[in-house]
Amino acid sequence: MATVRKDVLATGEIYHIYNRGVEKRLIFTRYRDYERAREMIWYYRYRRPPLRFSHYKDIPRAARDFYIQRLVLQPQKVTVFCYALMPNHFHFLLRQEQERGITEFLSTFCNSYAKYFNTKYKRVGPLFQGEFKAVRIENNDQLLHVSRYIHLNPSSSFIVKPEKLLSYPWISLREYASSRDPQICNTKEILSQFSQTEKYLTFVFDQVGYQRSLNGIHQEIFEE
């Protein structure tokens, strides 16, 4: 279960949020795990979901459409700019839109996913490593560089080759490359700073080699 944060995250501010599996264990093992987590991100970013996600998934699809229509009319507790789901950890770039919005989003996301995972794989106990980490984004340059860092994570961790990064389905880069993909993220905040979408993709891919060389240093963040 997610723990209650001791520090206060400020409404209107953007944060790089990350956490990993307890004891560095895998938290996503199959396609369905990743898909379930991504659906939860979409669902729990809204302020007051009418049902718990597990109940929402159990109702017939026709009835589910009714709840979706209600859900999307609500304000969001967080704005998601970027995300990356990795085998043993996750990253988010979030703006808090209401008091305790990020904490509530992470709590419902982590608790709901842990219950799903523990039930499916017949395990007990915490799935995530204590309190999630949060780093406030202090300026626009940092916003752009953290978005790049998140989107390059599968490549810098040697999960996929750089040329296959746009095919990796569990990062938000595909939402930036094509508006046809399901939209979880607000991509305008970042893409508006580039004259073309392709220029943002170039901005990301130009640092593939450099980020791979720093990956070992970045992983030490999780040891703190």
C-alpha atoms as a PDB file:
ATOM      1  CA  MET A   1       0.000   0.000   0.000  1.00  0.00           C
ATOM      2  CA  ALA A   2       1.104   3.573  -0.617  1.00  0.00           C
ATOM      3  CA  THR A   3       2.247   5.439   2.477  1.00  0.00           C
ATOM      4  CA  VAL A   4       1.098   8.913   3.549  1.00  0.00           C
ATOM      5  CA  ARG A   5       3.593  11.590   2.607  1.00  0.00           C
ATOM      6  CA  LYS A   6       5.202  13.710   5.300  1.00  0.00           C
ATOM      7  CA  ASP A   7       5.925  16.647   2.993  1.00  0.00           C
ATOM      8  CA  VAL A   8       3.300  18.773   1.230  1.00  0.00           C
ATOM      9  CA  LEU A   9       3.172  18.962  -2.559  1.00  0.00           C
ATOM     10  CA  ALA A  10       2.015  22.340  -3.878  1.00  0.00           C
ATOM     11  CA  THR A  11      -1.057  22.733  -6.052  1.00  0.00           C
ATOM     12  CA  GLY A  12      -0.209  24.145  -9.470  1.00  0.00           C
ATOM     13  CA  GLU A  13       3.356  22.822  -9.362  1.00  0.00           C
ATOM     14  CA  ILE A  14       4.805  20.096 -11.584  1.00  0.00           C
ATOM     15  CA  TYR A  15       6.680  17.125 -10.127  1.00  0.00           C
ATOM     16  CA  HIS A  16       8.732  14.200 -11.366  1.00  0.00           C
ATOM     17  CA  ILE A  17       7.241  11.242  -9.480  1.00  0.00           C
ATOM     18  CA  TYR A  18       8.827   7.796  -9.345  1.00  0.00           C
ATOM     19  CA  ASN A  19       8.905   4.605  -7.347  1.00  0.00           C
ATOM     20  CA  ARG A  20       9.850   0.961  -7.774  1.00  0.00           C
ATOM     21  CA  GLY A  21       8.912  -2.476  -6.568  1.00  0.00           C
ATOM     22  CA  VAL A  22       9.745  -3.467  -3.000  1.00  0.00           C
ATOM     23  CA  GLU A  23      13.092  -5.279  -2.829  1.00  0.00           C
ATOM     24  CA  LYS A  24      13.576  -4.231  -6.475  1.00  0.00           C
ATOM     25  CA  ARG A  25      11.074  -6.879  -7.539  1.00  0.00           C
ATOM     26  CA  LEU A  26       9.212  -6.864 -10.843  1.00  0.00           C
ATOM     27  CA  ILE A  27       5.892  -5.052 -10.692  1.00  0.00           C
ATOM     28  CA  PHE A  28       4.912  -5.623 -14.334  1.00  0.00           C
ATOM     29  CA  THR A  29       5.489  -9.114 -15.697  1.00  0.00           C
ATOM     30  CA  ARG A  30       3.051  -9.481 -18.584  1.00  0.00           C
ATOM     31  CA  TYR A  31       1.319  -7.389 -21.216  1.00  0.00           C
ATOM     32  CA  ARG A  32      -1.906  -7.448 -19.211  1.00  0.00           C
ATOM     33  CA  ASP A  33      -0.190  -5.965 -16.138  1.00  0.00           C
ATOM     34  CA  TYR A  34       1.051  -2.965 -18.083  1.00  0.00           C
ATOM     35  CA  GLU A  35      -2.307  -2.528 -19.785  1.00  0.00           C
ATOM     36  CA  ARG A  36      -4.130  -2.645 -16.451  1.00  0.00           C
ATOM     37  CA  ALA A  37      -1.787  -0.032 -14.969  1.00  0.00           C
ATOM     38  CA  ARG A  38      -2.216   2.304 -17.935  1.00  0.00           C
ATOM     39  CA  GLU A  39      -5.990   2.035 -17.679  1.00  0.00           C
ATOM     40  CA  MET A  40      -5.739   2.934 -13.995  1.00  0.00           C
ATOM     41  CA  ILE A  41      -3.677   6.022 -14.811  1.00  0.00           C
ATOM     42  CA  TRP A  42      -6.411   7.195 -17.163  1.00  0.00           C
ATOM     43  CA  TYR A  43      -9.155   6.416 -14.646  1.00  0.00           C
ATOM     44  CA  TYR A  44      -7.722   7.691 -11.375  1.00  0.00           C
ATOM     45  CA  ARG A  45      -6.474  11.057 -12.640  1.00  0.00           C
ATOM     46  CA  TYR A  46     -10.091  12.239 -12.421  1.00  0.00           C
ATOM     47  CA  ARG A  47     -11.248  13.783  -9.174  1.00  0.00           C
ATOM     48  CA  ARG A  48     -14.102  11.498  -8.109  1.00  0.00           C
ATOM     49  CA  PRO A  49     -14.364   8.219 -10.031  1.00  0.00           C
ATOM     50  CA  PRO A  50     -17.895   6.846  -9.501  1.00  0.00           C
ATOM     51  CA  LEU A  51     -16.646   3.295  -8.865  1.00  0.00           C
ATOM     52  CA  ARG A  52     -13.501   1.543  -7.762  1.00  0.00           C
ATOM     53  CA  PHE A  53     -11.585   0.560 -10.862  1.00  0.00           C
ATOM     54  CA  SER A  54     -11.977  -3.175 -10.192  1.00  0.00           C
ATOM     55  CA  HIS A  55     -15.771  -2.748 -10.045  1.00  0.00           C
ATOM     56  CA  TYR A  56     -15.731  -0.536 -13.139  1.00  0.00           C
ATOM     57  CA  LYS A  57     -13.909  -3.283 -15.074  1.00  0.00           C
ATOM     58  CA  ASP A  58     -16.453  -5.905 -13.992  1.00  0.00           C
ATOM     59  CA  ILE A  59     -19.562  -4.176 -15.321  1.00  0.00           C
ATOM     60  CA  PRO A  60     -20.762  -4.806 -18.915  1.00  0.00           C
ATOM     61  CA  ARG A  61     -19.165  -2.639 -21.573  1.00  0.00           C
ATOM     62  CA  ALA A  62     -22.440  -0.902 -22.449  1.00  0.00           C
ATOM     63  CA  ALA A  63     -22.955   0.121 -18.828  1.00  0.00           C
ATOM     64  CA  ARG A  64     -19.304   1.149 -18.592  1.00  0.00           C
ATOM     65  CA  ASP A  65     -19.875   3.759 -21.291  1.00  0.00           C
ATOM     66  CA  PHE A  66     -22.384   5.481 -18.986  1.00  0.00           C
ATOM     67  CA  TYR A  67     -19.758   5.808 -16.244  1.00  0.00           C
ATOM     68  CA  ILE A  68     -17.155   7.055 -18.721  1.00  0.00           C
ATOM     69  CA  GLN A  69     -19.495   9.855 -19.794  1.00  0.00           C
ATOM     70  CA  ARG A  70     -19.846  10.924 -16.156  1.00  0.00           C
ATOM     71  CA  LEU A  71     -16.150  10.549 -15.422  1.00  0.00           C
ATOM     72  CA  VAL A  72     -14.784  12.700 -18.235  1.00  0.00           C
ATOM     73  CA  LEU A  73     -16.968  15.636 -17.189  1.00  0.00           C
ATOM     74  CA  GLN A  74     -15.111  15.873 -13.891  1.00  0.00           C
ATOM     75  CA  PRO A  75     -12.031  17.988 -13.217  1.00  0.00           C
ATOM     76  CA  GLN A  76      -8.743  16.141 -12.929  1.00  0.00           C
ATOM     77  CA  LYS A  77      -6.832  15.873  -9.651  1.00  0.00           C
ATOM     78  CA  VAL A  78      -3.588  15.714 -11.651  1.00  0.00           C
ATOM     79  CA  THR A  79      -2.520  16.569 -15.175  1.00  0.00           C
ATOM     80  CA  VAL A  80      -0.309  13.867 -16.645  1.00  0.00           C
ATOM     81  CA  PHE A  81       2.401  15.174 -18.963  1.00  0.00           C
ATOM     82  CA  CYS A  82       4.493  12.001 -19.308  1.00  0.00           C
ATOM     83  CA  TYR A  83       4.680   8.486 -17.932  1.00  0.00           C
ATOM     84  CA  ALA A  84       6.851   5.394 -18.249  1.00  0.00           C
ATOM     85  CA  LEU A  85       5.978   1.943 -16.954  1.00  0.00           C
ATOM     86  CA  MET A  86       9.096  -0.189 -16.568  1.00  0.00           C
ATOM     87  CA  PRO A  87       9.437  -3.810 -15.387  1.00  0.00           C
ATOM     88  CA  ASN A  88      10.336  -2.848 -11.799  1.00  0.00           C
ATOM     89  CA  HIS A  89       9.520   0.870 -11.527  1.00  0.00           C
ATOM     90  CA  PHE A  90       7.480   3.755 -12.915  1.00  0.00           C
ATOM     91  CA  HIS A  91       7.897   7.456 -13.700  1.00  0.00           C
ATOM     92  CA  PHE A  92       5.307  10.232 -13.954  1.00  0.00           C
ATOM     93  CA  LEU A  93       5.534  13.924 -14.798  1.00  0.00           C
ATOM     94  CA  LEU A  94       2.483  15.429 -13.073  1.00  0.00           C
ATOM     95  CA  ARG A  95       0.979  18.794 -12.239  1.00  0.00           C
ATOM     96  CA  GLN A  96      -1.096  18.867  -9.071  1.00  0.00           C
ATOM     97  CA  GLU A  97      -4.523  20.373  -9.807  1.00  0.00           C
ATOM     98  CA  GLN A  98      -6.084  20.176  -6.326  1.00  0.00           C
ATOM     99  CA  GLU A  99      -4.855  19.959  -2.756  1.00  0.00           C
ATOM    100  CA  ARG A 100      -3.268  16.527  -2.181  1.00  0.00           C
ATOM    101  CA  GLY A 101      -4.054  15.637  -5.784  1.00  0.00           C
ATOM    102  CA  ILE A 102      -0.769  13.870  -6.502  1.00  0.00           C
ATOM    103  CA  THR A 103      -0.810  11.986  -3.202  1.00  0.00           C
ATOM    104  CA  GLU A 104      -4.403  10.850  -3.750  1.00  0.00           C
ATOM    105  CA  PHE A 105      -3.679   9.837  -7.346  1.00  0.00           C
ATOM    106  CA  LEU A 106      -0.602   7.812  -6.371  1.00  0.00           C
ATOM    107  CA  SER A 107      -2.390   6.259  -3.406  1.00  0.00           C
ATOM    108  CA  THR A 108      -5.353   5.032  -5.439  1.00  0.00           C
ATOM    109  CA  PHE A 109      -3.177   3.976  -8.374  1.00  0.00           C
ATOM    110  CA  CYS A 110      -0.649   2.050  -6.258  1.00  0.00           C
ATOM    111  CA  ASN A 111      -3.186   0.487  -3.895  1.00  0.00           C
ATOM    112  CA  SER A 112      -5.505  -0.578  -6.695  1.00  0.00           C
ATOM    113  CA  TYR A 113      -2.697  -1.991  -8.788  1.00  0.00           C
ATOM    114  CA  ALA A 114      -1.133  -3.819  -5.806  1.00  0.00           C
ATOM    115  CA  LYS A 115      -4.473  -5.491  -5.025  1.00  0.00           C
ATOM    116  CA  TYR A 116      -4.792  -6.576  -8.649  1.00  0.00           C
ATOM    117  CA  PHE A 117      -1.197  -7.856  -8.757  1.00  0.00           C
ATOM    118  CA  ASN A 118      -1.337  -9.695  -5.417  1.00  0.00           C
ATOM    119  CA  THR A 119      -4.619 -11.372  -6.301  1.00  0.00           C
ATOM    120  CA  LYS A 120      -3.452 -12.408  -9.745  1.00  0.00           C
ATOM    121  CA  TYR A 121      -0.089 -13.780  -8.616  1.00  0.00           C
ATOM    122  CA  LYS A 122      -1.220 -15.104  -5.217  1.00  0.00           C
ATOM    123  CA  ARG A 123       1.145 -12.992  -3.127  1.00  0.00           C
ATOM    124  CA  VAL A 124       0.718 -10.875   0.006  1.00  0.00           C
ATOM    125  CA  GLY A 125       2.365  -7.747   1.362  1.00  0.00           C
ATOM    126  CA  PRO A 126       3.467  -4.395  -0.063  1.00  0.00           C
ATOM    127  CA  LEU A 127       4.279  -4.235  -3.761  1.00  0.00           C
ATOM    128  CA  PHE A 128       5.906  -0.789  -3.880  1.00  0.00           C
ATOM    129  CA  GLN A 129       8.927   0.530  -2.017  1.00  0.00           C
ATOM    130  CA  GLY A 130       7.429   2.804   0.620  1.00  0.00           C
ATOM    131  CA  GLU A 131       6.822   6.462  -0.112  1.00  0.00           C
ATOM    132  CA  PHE A 132       7.052   7.612  -3.715  1.00  0.00           C
ATOM    133  CA  LYS A 133       9.778  10.116  -4.621  1.00  0.00           C
ATOM    134  CA  ALA A 134       8.792  13.613  -5.796  1.00  0.00           C
ATOM    135  CA  VAL A 135      11.102  16.213  -7.351  1.00  0.00           C
ATOM    136  CA  ARG A 136       9.610  19.634  -8.103  1.00  0.00           C
ATOM    137  CA  ILE A 137      10.201  20.986 -11.594  1.00  0.00           C
ATOM    138  CA  GLU A 138      11.699  24.435 -11.072  1.00  0.00           C
ATOM    139  CA  ASN A 139      11.916  25.801 -14.624  1.00  0.00           C
ATOM    140  CA  ASN A 140      10.970  25.115 -18.217  1.00  0.00           C
ATOM    141  CA  ASP A 141      14.340  23.640 -19.196  1.00  0.00           C
ATOM    142  CA  GLN A 142      13.994  21.093 -16.414  1.00  0.00           C
ATOM    143  CA  LEU A 143      10.467  20.263 -17.598  1.00  0.00           C
ATOM    144  CA  LEU A 144      11.732  19.465 -21.096  1.00  0.00           C
ATOM    145  CA  HIS A 145      14.746  17.485 -19.923  1.00  0.00           C
ATOM    146  CA  VAL A 146      12.731  15.399 -17.454  1.00  0.00           C
ATOM    147  CA  SER A 147      10.189  14.623 -20.166  1.00  0.00           C
ATOM    148  CA  ARG A 148      13.065  13.405 -22.330  1.00  0.00           C
ATOM    149  CA  TYR A 149      14.536  11.396 -19.461  1.00  0.00           C
ATOM    150  CA  ILE A 150      11.199   9.635 -18.878  1.00  0.00           C
ATOM    151  CA  HIS A 151      10.653   8.896 -22.549  1.00  0.00           C
ATOM    152  CA  LEU A 152      14.169   7.496 -22.977  1.00  0.00           C
ATOM    153  CA  ASN A 153      13.922   5.247 -19.924  1.00  0.00           C
ATOM    154  CA  PRO A 154      13.224   1.974 -21.779  1.00  0.00           C
ATOM    155  CA  SER A 155      16.196   2.601 -24.062  1.00  0.00           C
ATOM    156  CA  SER A 156      18.631   3.780 -21.390  1.00  0.00           C
ATOM    157  CA  SER A 157      17.704   0.677 -19.367  1.00  0.00           C
ATOM    158  CA  PHE A 158      18.443  -1.493 -22.444  1.00  0.00           C
ATOM    159  CA  ILE A 159      14.907  -2.896 -22.569  1.00  0.00           C
ATOM    160  CA  VAL A 160      14.431  -1.797 -26.187  1.00  0.00           C
ATOM    161  CA  LYS A 161      16.776  -0.513 -28.847  1.00  0.00           C
ATOM    162  CA  PRO A 162      16.557   3.245 -29.523  1.00  0.00           C
ATOM    163  CA  GLU A 163      15.072   2.685 -32.963  1.00  0.00           C
ATOM    164  CA  LYS A 164      12.262   0.626 -31.390  1.00  0.00           C
ATOM    165  CA  LEU A 165      11.404   3.184 -28.710  1.00  0.00           C
ATOM    166  CA  LEU A 166       8.285   4.464 -30.461  1.00  0.00           C
ATOM    167  CA  SER A 167       7.012   0.886 -30.543  1.00  0.00           C
ATOM    168  CA  TYR A 168       7.354   0.463 -26.778  1.00  0.00           C
ATOM    169  CA  PRO A 169       3.708   0.725 -25.701  1.00  0.00           C
ATOM    170  CA  TRP A 170       4.175   1.642 -22.035  1.00  0.00           C
ATOM    171  CA  ILE A 171       5.566   5.172 -22.324  1.00  0.00           C
ATOM    172  CA  SER A 172       3.734   8.304 -23.357  1.00  0.00           C
ATOM    173  CA  LEU A 173       6.058   9.089 -26.273  1.00  0.00           C
ATOM    174  CA  ARG A 174       3.605   7.571 -28.722  1.00  0.00           C
ATOM    175  CA  GLU A 175       0.988  10.087 -27.597  1.00  0.00           C
ATOM    176  CA  TYR A 176       3.463  12.815 -28.513  1.00  0.00           C
ATOM    177  CA  ALA A 177       4.213  11.261 -31.891  1.00  0.00           C
ATOM    178  CA  SER A 178       0.608  10.548 -32.897  1.00  0.00           C
ATOM    179  CA  SER A 179      -2.705  11.987 -31.770  1.00  0.00           C
ATOM    180  CA  ARG A 180      -4.360   8.717 -32.838  1.00  0.00           C
ATOM    181  CA  ASP A 181      -3.119   6.915 -29.732  1.00  0.00           C
ATOM    182  CA  PRO A 182      -5.328   6.925 -26.589  1.00  0.00           C
ATOM    183  CA  GLN A 183      -4.748  10.208 -24.809  1.00  0.00           C
ATOM    184  CA  ILE A 184      -3.821  10.192 -21.148  1.00  0.00           C
ATOM    185  CA  CYS A 185      -1.352  13.041 -21.363  1.00  0.00           C
ATOM    186  CA  ASN A 186      -1.517  16.763 -21.902  1.00  0.00           C
ATOM    187  CA  THR A 187       1.025  16.934 -24.724  1.00  0.00           C
ATOM    188  CA  LYS A 188       0.400  20.574 -25.665  1.00  0.00           C
ATOM    189  CA  GLU A 189       2.397  22.009 -22.744  1.00  0.00           C
ATOM    190  CA  ILE A 190       5.622  20.517 -24.123  1.00  0.00           C
ATOM    191  CA  LEU A 191       4.905  20.256 -27.852  1.00  0.00           C
ATOM    192  CA  SER A 192       3.907  23.940 -28.032  1.00  0.00           C
ATOM    193  CA  GLN A 193       7.566  24.775 -27.398  1.00  0.00           C
ATOM    194  CA  PHE A 194       8.612  23.108 -30.658  1.00  0.00           C
ATOM    195  CA  SER A 195       7.631  24.244 -34.135  1.00  0.00           C
ATOM    196  CA  GLN A 196       6.893  20.659 -35.171  1.00  0.00           C
ATOM    197  CA  THR A 197       6.284  17.365 -33.411  1.00  0.00           C
ATOM    198  CA  GLU A 198       9.301  15.955 -35.221  1.00  0.00           C
ATOM    199  CA  LYS A 199      11.529  18.546 -33.545  1.00  0.00           C
ATOM    200  CA  TYR A 200      10.491  17.298 -30.114  1.00  0.00           C
ATOM    201  CA  LEU A 201      11.215  13.723 -31.189  1.00  0.00           C
ATOM    202  CA  THR A 202      14.625  14.856 -32.405  1.00  0.00           C
ATOM    203  CA  PHE A 203      15.170  16.581 -29.058  1.00  0.00           C
ATOM    204  CA  VAL A 204      14.431  13.257 -27.339  1.00  0.00           C
ATOM    205  CA  PHE A 205      16.411  10.924 -29.583  1.00  0.00           C
ATOM    206  CA  ASP A 206      19.500  13.132 -29.789  1.00  0.00           C
ATOM    207  CA  GLN A 207      20.358  12.182 -26.200  1.00  0.00           C
ATOM    208  CA  VAL A 208      19.924   8.385 -26.414  1.00  0.00           C
ATOM    209  CA  GLY A 209      23.623   7.579 -26.108  1.00  0.00           C
ATOM    210  CA  TYR A 210      24.312  10.175 -23.427  1.00  0.00           C
ATOM    211  CA  GLN A 211      21.430   9.044 -21.247  1.00  0.00           C
ATOM    212  CA  ARG A 212      22.516   5.419 -21.528  1.00  0.00           C
ATOM    213  CA  SER A 213      25.951   6.401 -20.265  1.00  0.00           C
ATOM    214  CA  LEU A 214      24.367   8.051 -17.207  1.00  0.00           C
ATOM    215  CA  ASN A 215      21.863   5.314 -16.479  1.00  0.00           C
ATOM    216  CA  GLY A 216      23.906   3.782 -13.666  1.00  0.00           C
ATOM    217  CA  ILE A 217      24.111   7.138 -11.911  1.00  0.00           C
ATOM    218  CA  HIS A 218      20.387   7.736 -12.319  1.00  0.00           C
ATOM    219  CA  GLN A 219      19.572   4.347 -10.814  1.00  0.00           C
ATOM    220  CA  GLU A 220      21.288   5.415  -7.603  1.00  0.00           C
ATOM    221  CA  ILE A 221      18.345   7.771  -7.016  1.00  0.00           C
ATOM    222  CA  PHE A 222      16.328   4.749  -5.919  1.00  0.00           C
ATOM    223  CA  GLU A 223      18.900   3.896  -3.248  1.00  0.00           C
ATOM    224  CA  GLU A 224      18.383   7.190  -1.384  1.00  0.00           C
END
